């Protein structure tokens, strides 16, 4: 990737996704559903710790700050944000420069749709694995509690 695109793909996709969510929530269709008692589902930015040691430890938290979203971050990122994070501007409801950035990735040879499918598959498998690990811990601790009583 060109240096200017480093650590920008996830942010561009999040901006694009946030625009889609805001467009939906501003639509007459959604307003009818809201008036009938529906509640909005907020976009979830999950595990927004920075993986690249060369990048800011609060890169994604700062870039993805926005109303009507949920951001789950590792404890280290939360502490870094409290220590030296300044949020600044929020995600633009219109997607900002997301289309231009995504076009730059396409020009650089990145198949964003194929990458998204791969990452969704890997992410789903990771969540399933974590779920099974959690269930194993609960079963183990329940068995230990049963033995103690």
C-alpha atoms as a PDB file:
ATOM      1  CA  UNK A   1       0.000   0.000   0.000  1.00  0.00           C
ATOM      2  CA  UNK A   2       1.104   3.536  -0.587  1.00  0.00           C
ATOM      3  CA  UNK A   3       2.142   5.164   2.695  1.00  0.00           C
ATOM      4  CA  UNK A   4      -0.780   7.622   2.498  1.00  0.00           C
ATOM      5  CA  UNK A   5      -3.236   4.698   2.661  1.00  0.00           C
ATOM      6  CA  UNK A   6      -1.650   2.950   5.634  1.00  0.00           C
ATOM      7  CA  UNK A   7      -4.237   2.302   8.393  1.00  0.00           C
ATOM      8  CA  UNK A   8      -6.977   4.028   6.374  1.00  0.00           C
ATOM      9  CA  UNK A   9      -9.059   1.171   4.943  1.00  0.00           C
ATOM     10  CA  UNK A  10     -10.956   0.334   8.137  1.00  0.00           C
ATOM     11  CA  UNK A  11     -11.635   3.997   8.779  1.00  0.00           C
ATOM     12  CA  UNK A  12     -12.939   4.525   5.232  1.00  0.00           C
ATOM     13  CA  UNK A  13     -15.212   1.498   5.511  1.00  0.00           C
ATOM     14  CA  UNK A  14     -16.483   2.706   8.886  1.00  0.00           C
ATOM     15  CA  UNK A  15     -17.252   6.140   7.414  1.00  0.00           C
ATOM     16  CA  UNK A  16     -19.080   4.490   4.524  1.00  0.00           C
ATOM     17  CA  UNK A  17     -21.024   2.268   6.952  1.00  0.00           C
ATOM     18  CA  UNK A  18     -21.857   5.185   9.247  1.00  0.00           C
ATOM     19  CA  UNK A  19     -23.239   7.126   6.280  1.00  0.00           C
ATOM     20  CA  UNK A  20     -25.459   4.177   5.349  1.00  0.00           C
ATOM     21  CA  UNK A  21     -26.709   3.907   8.931  1.00  0.00           C
ATOM     22  CA  UNK A  22     -27.402   7.630   9.208  1.00  0.00           C
ATOM     23  CA  UNK A  23     -29.136   7.632   5.812  1.00  0.00           C
ATOM     24  CA  UNK A  24     -31.377   4.805   6.977  1.00  0.00           C
ATOM     25  CA  UNK A  25     -32.181   6.509  10.300  1.00  0.00           C
ATOM     26  CA  UNK A  26     -33.063   9.707   8.440  1.00  0.00           C
ATOM     27  CA  UNK A  27     -35.345   7.989   5.951  1.00  0.00           C
ATOM     28  CA  UNK A  28     -39.146   8.204   5.947  1.00  0.00           C
ATOM     29  CA  UNK A  29     -39.216   4.392   6.153  1.00  0.00           C
ATOM     30  CA  UNK A  30     -37.280   4.468   9.414  1.00  0.00           C
ATOM     31  CA  UNK A  31     -39.323   7.347  10.789  1.00  0.00           C
ATOM     32  CA  UNK A  32     -42.498   5.313  10.275  1.00  0.00           C
ATOM     33  CA  UNK A  33     -40.915   2.360  12.076  1.00  0.00           C
ATOM     34  CA  UNK A  34     -39.674   4.641  14.871  1.00  0.00           C
ATOM     35  CA  UNK A  35     -43.137   6.164  15.281  1.00  0.00           C
ATOM     36  CA  UNK A  36     -44.513   2.632  15.609  1.00  0.00           C
ATOM     37  CA  UNK A  37     -42.098   1.916  18.478  1.00  0.00           C
ATOM     38  CA  UNK A  38     -38.996   0.566  16.719  1.00  0.00           C
ATOM     39  CA  UNK A  39     -35.646   1.351  18.289  1.00  0.00           C
ATOM     40  CA  UNK A  40     -32.507   2.042  16.261  1.00  0.00           C
ATOM     41  CA  UNK A  41     -29.643  -0.421  16.170  1.00  0.00           C
ATOM     42  CA  UNK A  42     -26.357   1.404  16.529  1.00  0.00           C
ATOM     43  CA  UNK A  43     -23.241   0.541  14.527  1.00  0.00           C
ATOM     44  CA  UNK A  44     -20.694  -1.311  16.650  1.00  0.00           C
ATOM     45  CA  UNK A  45     -17.013  -0.573  16.204  1.00  0.00           C
ATOM     46  CA  UNK A  46     -15.496  -3.653  17.832  1.00  0.00           C
ATOM     47  CA  UNK A  47     -12.039  -4.077  19.336  1.00  0.00           C
ATOM     48  CA  UNK A  48     -10.745  -0.726  18.151  1.00  0.00           C
ATOM     49  CA  UNK A  49      -7.260  -1.094  19.549  1.00  0.00           C
ATOM     50  CA  UNK A  50      -4.470  -0.153  17.127  1.00  0.00           C
ATOM     51  CA  UNK A  51      -2.577  -3.176  15.836  1.00  0.00           C
ATOM     52  CA  UNK A  52       0.147  -1.224  14.004  1.00  0.00           C
ATOM     53  CA  UNK A  53       2.883  -0.241  16.487  1.00  0.00           C
ATOM     54  CA  UNK A  54       3.846   2.659  14.189  1.00  0.00           C
ATOM     55  CA  UNK A  55       0.370   4.218  14.448  1.00  0.00           C
ATOM     56  CA  UNK A  56      -1.208   6.185  17.269  1.00  0.00           C
ATOM     57  CA  UNK A  57      -2.566   3.974  20.035  1.00  0.00           C
ATOM     58  CA  UNK A  58      -5.856   5.888  19.818  1.00  0.00           C
ATOM     59  CA  UNK A  59      -6.061   6.084  16.007  1.00  0.00           C
ATOM     60  CA  UNK A  60      -9.317   4.178  15.578  1.00  0.00           C
ATOM     61  CA  UNK A  61     -11.017   5.511  18.693  1.00  0.00           C
ATOM     62  CA  UNK A  62     -10.446   9.068  17.494  1.00  0.00           C
ATOM     63  CA  UNK A  63     -11.407   8.296  13.906  1.00  0.00           C
ATOM     64  CA  UNK A  64     -14.596   6.412  14.786  1.00  0.00           C
ATOM     65  CA  UNK A  65     -16.050   8.689  17.454  1.00  0.00           C
ATOM     66  CA  UNK A  66     -19.651   9.406  16.526  1.00  0.00           C
ATOM     67  CA  UNK A  67     -23.127   9.724  17.969  1.00  0.00           C
ATOM     68  CA  UNK A  68     -25.411   6.694  17.805  1.00  0.00           C
ATOM     69  CA  UNK A  69     -22.506   4.211  17.757  1.00  0.00           C
ATOM     70  CA  UNK A  70     -20.945   1.769  20.210  1.00  0.00           C
ATOM     71  CA  UNK A  71     -17.176   1.430  20.471  1.00  0.00           C
ATOM     72  CA  UNK A  72     -15.633  -1.527  22.281  1.00  0.00           C
ATOM     73  CA  UNK A  73     -11.939  -1.109  22.897  1.00  0.00           C
ATOM     74  CA  UNK A  74      -9.260  -2.980  24.785  1.00  0.00           C
ATOM     75  CA  UNK A  75      -8.406  -1.715  28.252  1.00  0.00           C
ATOM     76  CA  UNK A  76      -5.019  -0.418  27.079  1.00  0.00           C
ATOM     77  CA  UNK A  77      -6.688   1.704  24.416  1.00  0.00           C
ATOM     78  CA  UNK A  78      -9.186   3.051  26.946  1.00  0.00           C
ATOM     79  CA  UNK A  79      -6.323   4.019  29.273  1.00  0.00           C
ATOM     80  CA  UNK A  80      -4.420   5.628  26.382  1.00  0.00           C
ATOM     81  CA  UNK A  81      -7.526   7.622  25.461  1.00  0.00           C
ATOM     82  CA  UNK A  82      -7.898   8.811  29.058  1.00  0.00           C
ATOM     83  CA  UNK A  83      -4.198   9.659  29.211  1.00  0.00           C
ATOM     84  CA  UNK A  84      -3.626  11.528  25.971  1.00  0.00           C
ATOM     85  CA  UNK A  85      -6.604  11.169  23.663  1.00  0.00           C
ATOM     86  CA  UNK A  86      -8.347  14.152  22.168  1.00  0.00           C
ATOM     87  CA  UNK A  87     -11.366  13.156  20.112  1.00  0.00           C
ATOM     88  CA  UNK A  88     -11.717  16.242  17.954  1.00  0.00           C
ATOM     89  CA  UNK A  89     -14.113  15.924  15.007  1.00  0.00           C
ATOM     90  CA  UNK A  90     -16.730  13.187  14.888  1.00  0.00           C
ATOM     91  CA  UNK A  91     -17.440  10.836  11.994  1.00  0.00           C
ATOM     92  CA  UNK A  92     -19.193  12.792   9.258  1.00  0.00           C
ATOM     93  CA  UNK A  93     -22.783  11.683   8.700  1.00  0.00           C
ATOM     94  CA  UNK A  94     -22.225  12.057   4.944  1.00  0.00           C
ATOM     95  CA  UNK A  95     -19.311   9.596   4.881  1.00  0.00           C
ATOM     96  CA  UNK A  96     -16.693  12.295   4.446  1.00  0.00           C
ATOM     97  CA  UNK A  97     -13.887  11.184   2.155  1.00  0.00           C
ATOM     98  CA  UNK A  98     -14.746   7.481   2.357  1.00  0.00           C
ATOM     99  CA  UNK A  99     -15.608   7.033  -1.330  1.00  0.00           C
ATOM    100  CA  UNK A 100     -12.397   8.734  -2.468  1.00  0.00           C
ATOM    101  CA  UNK A 101     -10.275   6.657  -0.078  1.00  0.00           C
ATOM    102  CA  UNK A 102     -11.986   3.416  -1.131  1.00  0.00           C
ATOM    103  CA  UNK A 103     -11.351   4.358  -4.778  1.00  0.00           C
ATOM    104  CA  UNK A 104      -7.654   4.829  -3.961  1.00  0.00           C
ATOM    105  CA  UNK A 105      -7.536   1.323  -2.465  1.00  0.00           C
ATOM    106  CA  UNK A 106      -9.226  -0.100  -5.571  1.00  0.00           C
ATOM    107  CA  UNK A 107      -6.690   1.728  -7.737  1.00  0.00           C
ATOM    108  CA  UNK A 108      -3.904   0.180  -5.625  1.00  0.00           C
ATOM    109  CA  UNK A 109      -5.313  -3.278  -6.417  1.00  0.00           C
ATOM    110  CA  UNK A 110      -7.253  -4.037  -3.245  1.00  0.00           C
ATOM    111  CA  UNK A 111     -10.513  -5.925  -3.819  1.00  0.00           C
ATOM    112  CA  UNK A 112     -12.396  -4.411  -0.885  1.00  0.00           C
ATOM    113  CA  UNK A 113     -15.450  -6.642  -1.340  1.00  0.00           C
ATOM    114  CA  UNK A 114     -13.356  -9.854  -1.333  1.00  0.00           C
ATOM    115  CA  UNK A 115     -11.368  -8.606   1.659  1.00  0.00           C
ATOM    116  CA  UNK A 116     -14.586  -7.745   3.506  1.00  0.00           C
ATOM    117  CA  UNK A 117     -15.991 -11.230   2.889  1.00  0.00           C
ATOM    118  CA  UNK A 118     -12.769 -12.822   4.131  1.00  0.00           C
ATOM    119  CA  UNK A 119     -12.623 -10.652   7.249  1.00  0.00           C
ATOM    120  CA  UNK A 120     -16.300 -11.232   8.053  1.00  0.00           C
ATOM    121  CA  UNK A 121     -15.722 -14.986   7.798  1.00  0.00           C
ATOM    122  CA  UNK A 122     -12.611 -14.841   9.983  1.00  0.00           C
ATOM    123  CA  UNK A 123     -14.336 -12.524  12.461  1.00  0.00           C
ATOM    124  CA  UNK A 124     -17.380 -14.777  12.766  1.00  0.00           C
ATOM    125  CA  UNK A 125     -15.150 -17.804  13.366  1.00  0.00           C
ATOM    126  CA  UNK A 126     -13.218 -15.867  16.006  1.00  0.00           C
ATOM    127  CA  UNK A 127     -16.412 -14.879  17.838  1.00  0.00           C
ATOM    128  CA  UNK A 128     -17.687 -18.472  17.721  1.00  0.00           C
ATOM    129  CA  UNK A 129     -14.353 -19.690  19.092  1.00  0.00           C
ATOM    130  CA  UNK A 130     -14.490 -17.110  21.899  1.00  0.00           C
ATOM    131  CA  UNK A 131     -18.078 -18.133  22.682  1.00  0.00           C
ATOM    132  CA  UNK A 132     -17.090 -21.792  22.989  1.00  0.00           C
ATOM    133  CA  UNK A 133     -14.123 -20.871  25.198  1.00  0.00           C
ATOM    134  CA  UNK A 134     -16.442 -18.836  27.433  1.00  0.00           C
ATOM    135  CA  UNK A 135     -18.901 -21.713  27.674  1.00  0.00           C
ATOM    136  CA  UNK A 136     -16.051 -24.088  28.619  1.00  0.00           C
ATOM    137  CA  UNK A 137     -14.948 -21.721  31.398  1.00  0.00           C
ATOM    138  CA  UNK A 138     -18.515 -21.471  32.718  1.00  0.00           C
ATOM    139  CA  UNK A 139     -18.948 -25.263  32.678  1.00  0.00           C
ATOM    140  CA  UNK A 140     -15.603 -25.721  34.443  1.00  0.00           C
ATOM    141  CA  UNK A 141     -16.334 -23.140  37.124  1.00  0.00           C
ATOM    142  CA  UNK A 142     -19.856 -24.493  37.626  1.00  0.00           C
ATOM    143  CA  UNK A 143     -18.424 -27.983  38.118  1.00  0.00           C
ATOM    144  CA  UNK A 144     -15.895 -26.646  40.650  1.00  0.00           C
ATOM    145  CA  UNK A 145     -18.654 -24.822  42.527  1.00  0.00           C
ATOM    146  CA  UNK A 146     -20.725 -28.026  42.544  1.00  0.00           C
ATOM    147  CA  UNK A 147     -17.814 -29.913  44.086  1.00  0.00           C
ATOM    148  CA  UNK A 148     -17.342 -27.236  46.749  1.00  0.00           C
ATOM    149  CA  UNK A 149     -20.944 -27.370  47.949  1.00  0.00           C
END
